[in-house]
Amino acid sequence: MTYETEEEQVEKIKELWKQHGVPLLTGVVIALAGVFGWQGWTNYQDNRAAAASELYQAMLEAVLADNGTEDRAQGAELAEQLRDEYSSTRYAQFAALMQARLAVEAGDLASAESLLNEIVADADDPVLEAVARQRLARVLAAQERTEEGLEVLGEDASGALLASQQEIRGDLLLALGREDEARSAYQAALAALEDPQARPQLQLKLDDLAEEA
């Protein structure tokens, strides 16, 4: 439809605005809110990740400083803070790994087991899960639950974790008196290493079994 004069066009625009102006404006506002809302959420997530990273770094520095029980206690507190305040981040699971390590060093195997079970159940990263399984297997073995430890190890790990998994499997099998199977596990661990000489203790374990054979 065409209009004969500019005045008619202006009047038509006014009429359209009266009919549709508010819904149109509302749609624009909603669209802009979506854009800025998403940007705000992204910034919020980025800020949380940065804060969690800084807290994790502080935790590591406290634990690795190894200046006595005070530093380790501080590390444990920071790990707990990470898990409480940043539970949705990967750092919370890393903090749980550290808590489990500190629990083992303190002789609290039950707490270490609980923490590692939590990681195994919740981890969305197969590498993190494999690390937790390996540590959990040793914790269970330390509680004379070696068979459970073998079950926890699960299927063969991949990549760099295969050697450590097979070595742990060998240790657990040896503890159960299953020497032939332990020997095979140690051999698999050595085969998985790029440089077998980097793990001389593993070769010693295998040599000890050869002498007993």
Protein backbone atom coordinates (compact mmCIF):
# COMPACT_ATOMS: atom_id res chain seq x y z
CA MET A 1 0.00 0.00 0.00
CA THR A 2 1.30 3.48 -0.88
CA TYR A 3 0.50 6.80 0.74
CA GLU A 4 -0.07 10.02 -1.15
CA THR A 5 1.58 12.39 1.31
CA GLU A 6 4.29 12.29 3.99
CA GLU A 7 1.64 13.32 6.52
CA GLU A 8 -0.32 10.13 5.80
CA GLN A 9 2.82 8.04 6.23
CA VAL A 10 3.58 9.69 9.56
CA GLU A 11 0.01 9.12 10.74
CA LYS A 12 0.23 5.47 9.72
CA ILE A 13 3.48 5.02 11.67
CA LYS A 14 1.85 6.60 14.71
CA GLU A 15 -1.08 4.23 14.38
CA LEU A 16 1.20 1.21 14.08
CA TRP A 17 3.18 2.32 17.11
CA LYS A 18 -0.02 2.67 19.14
CA GLN A 19 -1.00 -0.87 18.17
CA HIS A 20 2.37 -2.60 18.35
CA GLY A 21 4.78 -0.20 19.98
CA VAL A 22 4.68 -1.65 23.50
CA PRO A 23 4.99 -5.32 22.42
CA LEU A 24 7.78 -4.34 20.05
CA LEU A 25 9.62 -2.45 22.75
CA THR A 26 9.11 -5.33 25.16
CA GLY A 27 10.60 -7.72 22.62
CA VAL A 28 13.66 -5.52 22.23
CA VAL A 29 14.08 -5.26 26.00
CA ILE A 30 13.78 -9.03 26.40
CA ALA A 31 16.31 -9.62 23.63
CA LEU A 32 18.77 -7.17 25.18
CA ALA A 33 18.22 -8.68 28.61
CA GLY A 34 19.07 -12.07 27.16
CA VAL A 35 22.29 -10.77 25.66
CA PHE A 36 23.44 -8.91 28.76
CA GLY A 37 22.18 -11.71 31.01
CA TRP A 38 24.29 -14.24 29.16
CA GLN A 39 27.32 -11.95 29.27
CA GLY A 40 26.79 -11.43 32.99
CA TRP A 41 26.52 -15.17 33.58
CA THR A 42 29.67 -15.81 31.55
CA ASN A 43 31.56 -13.14 33.49
CA TYR A 44 30.29 -14.61 36.74
CA GLN A 45 31.51 -18.08 35.77
CA ASP A 46 34.88 -16.72 34.65
CA ASN A 47 35.30 -14.84 37.92
CA ARG A 48 34.42 -17.92 39.94
CA ALA A 49 36.89 -20.04 37.99
CA ALA A 50 39.62 -17.45 38.55
CA ALA A 51 38.88 -17.26 42.27
CA ALA A 52 38.85 -21.05 42.57
CA SER A 53 42.17 -21.23 40.73
CA GLU A 54 43.77 -18.73 43.11
CA LEU A 55 42.45 -20.60 46.13
CA TYR A 56 43.72 -23.90 44.72
CA GLN A 57 47.17 -22.38 44.18
CA ALA A 58 47.22 -21.15 47.77
CA MET A 59 46.24 -24.62 48.96
CA LEU A 60 49.08 -26.25 47.00
CA GLU A 61 51.61 -23.76 48.30
CA ALA A 62 50.53 -24.42 51.89
CA VAL A 63 50.71 -28.19 51.53
CA LEU A 64 53.88 -28.39 49.47
CA ALA A 65 55.73 -25.90 51.66
CA ASP A 66 56.01 -28.73 54.18
CA ASN A 67 56.96 -26.45 57.03
CA GLY A 68 55.12 -28.44 59.63
CA THR A 69 51.63 -29.28 60.75
CA GLU A 70 50.46 -25.65 60.71
CA ASP A 71 50.93 -25.30 56.95
CA ARG A 72 49.31 -28.65 56.29
CA ALA A 73 46.38 -27.69 58.50
CA GLN A 74 46.02 -24.48 56.50
CA GLY A 75 46.12 -26.50 53.29
CA ALA A 76 43.35 -28.75 54.59
CA GLU A 77 41.23 -25.72 55.49
CA LEU A 78 41.70 -24.20 52.04
CA ALA A 79 40.78 -27.53 50.43
CA GLU A 80 37.58 -27.63 52.46
CA GLN A 81 36.81 -24.03 51.48
CA LEU A 82 37.28 -24.92 47.81
CA ARG A 83 34.86 -27.81 48.07
CA ASP A 84 32.28 -25.72 49.94
CA GLU A 85 32.37 -22.53 47.89
CA TYR A 86 33.31 -23.84 44.44
CA SER A 87 31.73 -27.28 44.38
CA SER A 88 30.73 -26.92 40.72
CA THR A 89 34.32 -26.45 39.53
CA ARG A 90 36.97 -29.03 38.73
CA TYR A 91 39.13 -27.49 41.45
CA ALA A 92 36.76 -28.89 44.08
CA GLN A 93 37.61 -32.42 42.94
CA PHE A 94 41.31 -31.64 42.88
CA ALA A 95 40.93 -30.33 46.42
CA ALA A 96 39.25 -33.58 47.44
CA LEU A 97 42.26 -35.49 46.09
CA MET A 98 44.52 -33.37 48.26
CA GLN A 99 42.28 -33.88 51.27
CA ALA A 100 42.46 -37.63 50.74
CA ARG A 101 46.26 -37.47 50.60
CA LEU A 102 46.38 -35.48 53.82
CA ALA A 103 43.99 -37.93 55.46
CA VAL A 104 46.22 -40.85 54.51
CA GLU A 105 49.27 -39.08 55.92
CA ALA A 106 47.33 -38.48 59.13
CA GLY A 107 46.37 -42.15 59.31
CA ASP A 108 42.68 -41.44 58.71
CA LEU A 109 42.08 -44.05 56.03
CA ALA A 110 38.31 -44.02 56.45
CA SER A 111 38.11 -40.32 55.54
CA ALA A 112 40.46 -40.84 52.61
CA GLU A 113 38.29 -43.69 51.36
CA SER A 114 35.14 -41.57 51.60
CA LEU A 115 36.70 -38.67 49.71
CA LEU A 116 38.08 -40.87 46.94
CA ASN A 117 34.79 -42.71 46.55
CA GLU A 118 33.10 -39.34 46.10
CA ILE A 119 35.51 -38.39 43.33
CA VAL A 120 35.08 -41.73 41.56
CA ALA A 121 31.31 -41.32 41.67
CA ASP A 122 31.20 -37.68 40.52
CA ALA A 123 34.22 -37.21 38.23
CA ASP A 124 33.36 -36.26 34.66
CA ASP A 125 37.00 -36.53 33.63
CA PRO A 126 38.24 -40.10 32.96
CA VAL A 127 41.82 -39.17 33.92
CA LEU A 128 40.73 -37.74 37.27
CA GLU A 129 38.58 -40.80 37.90
CA ALA A 130 41.46 -43.15 37.09
CA VAL A 131 43.78 -41.32 39.49
CA ALA A 132 41.15 -41.50 42.24
CA ARG A 133 40.64 -45.22 41.59
CA GLN A 134 44.35 -45.93 41.89
CA ARG A 135 44.63 -44.07 45.17
CA LEU A 136 41.46 -45.69 46.48
CA ALA A 137 42.84 -49.13 45.64
CA ARG A 138 45.91 -48.47 47.80
CA VAL A 139 43.77 -47.09 50.63
CA LEU A 140 41.60 -50.20 50.58
CA ALA A 141 44.66 -52.45 50.54
CA ALA A 142 46.05 -50.57 53.55
CA GLN A 143 42.84 -51.52 55.36
CA GLU A 144 43.38 -55.20 54.46
CA ARG A 145 40.69 -55.05 51.79
CA THR A 146 42.98 -55.92 48.92
CA GLU A 147 40.40 -57.79 46.86
CA GLU A 148 38.18 -54.71 46.94
CA GLY A 149 41.17 -52.67 45.83
CA LEU A 150 41.61 -54.87 42.77
CA GLU A 151 37.96 -54.43 41.88
CA VAL A 152 38.19 -50.67 42.24
CA LEU A 153 41.09 -50.47 39.78
CA GLY A 154 38.70 -51.56 37.05
CA GLU A 155 39.66 -51.90 33.41
CA ASP A 156 43.05 -50.94 32.05
CA ALA A 157 43.75 -47.22 32.14
CA SER A 158 44.99 -45.39 29.09
CA GLY A 159 48.05 -43.32 28.36
CA ALA A 160 50.45 -42.34 31.09
CA LEU A 161 48.27 -43.83 33.84
CA LEU A 162 48.55 -47.39 32.57
CA ALA A 163 52.00 -47.98 34.07
CA SER A 164 51.03 -46.82 37.55
CA GLN A 165 47.79 -48.77 37.42
CA GLN A 166 49.56 -51.99 36.48
CA GLU A 167 52.18 -51.46 39.17
CA ILE A 168 49.47 -51.03 41.79
CA ARG A 169 47.72 -54.12 40.44
CA GLY A 170 50.99 -56.02 40.80
CA ASP A 171 51.44 -54.81 44.38
CA LEU A 172 47.94 -55.91 45.33
CA LEU A 173 48.27 -59.29 43.62
CA LEU A 174 51.58 -59.86 45.35
CA ALA A 175 49.99 -59.05 48.70
CA LEU A 176 47.43 -61.76 47.96
CA GLY A 177 50.16 -64.27 47.15
CA ARG A 178 49.29 -64.40 43.45
CA GLU A 179 52.88 -64.06 42.27
CA ASP A 180 52.47 -65.14 38.66
CA GLU A 181 49.75 -62.58 38.11
CA ALA A 182 51.78 -59.96 39.94
CA ARG A 183 54.76 -60.64 37.68
CA SER A 184 52.57 -60.19 34.60
CA ALA A 185 51.24 -56.91 35.97
CA TYR A 186 54.74 -55.59 36.63
CA GLN A 187 55.82 -56.58 33.15
CA ALA A 188 52.81 -54.74 31.71
CA ALA A 189 53.73 -51.70 33.79
CA LEU A 190 57.30 -51.70 32.46
CA ALA A 191 56.06 -52.13 28.90
CA ALA A 192 53.80 -49.09 29.30
CA LEU A 193 56.70 -46.83 30.29
CA GLU A 194 58.47 -44.78 27.66
CA ASP A 195 61.66 -45.02 29.72
CA PRO A 196 61.68 -48.09 32.01
CA GLN A 197 64.89 -46.86 33.66
CA ALA A 198 62.92 -43.94 35.07
CA ARG A 199 61.21 -46.37 37.45
CA PRO A 200 64.04 -48.53 38.86
CA GLN A 201 61.89 -49.66 41.80
CA LEU A 202 59.50 -51.32 39.35
CA GLN A 203 62.31 -53.35 37.82
CA LEU A 204 63.43 -54.33 41.33
CA LYS A 205 59.95 -55.65 42.11
CA LEU A 206 60.04 -57.74 38.98
CA ASP A 207 63.57 -58.97 39.73
CA ASP A 208 62.53 -60.02 43.24
CA LEU A 209 59.79 -62.18 41.80
CA ALA A 210 62.20 -63.70 39.29
CA GLU A 211 64.53 -64.72 42.10
CA GLU A 212 61.68 -66.38 43.94
CA ALA A 213 60.43 -68.20 40.84
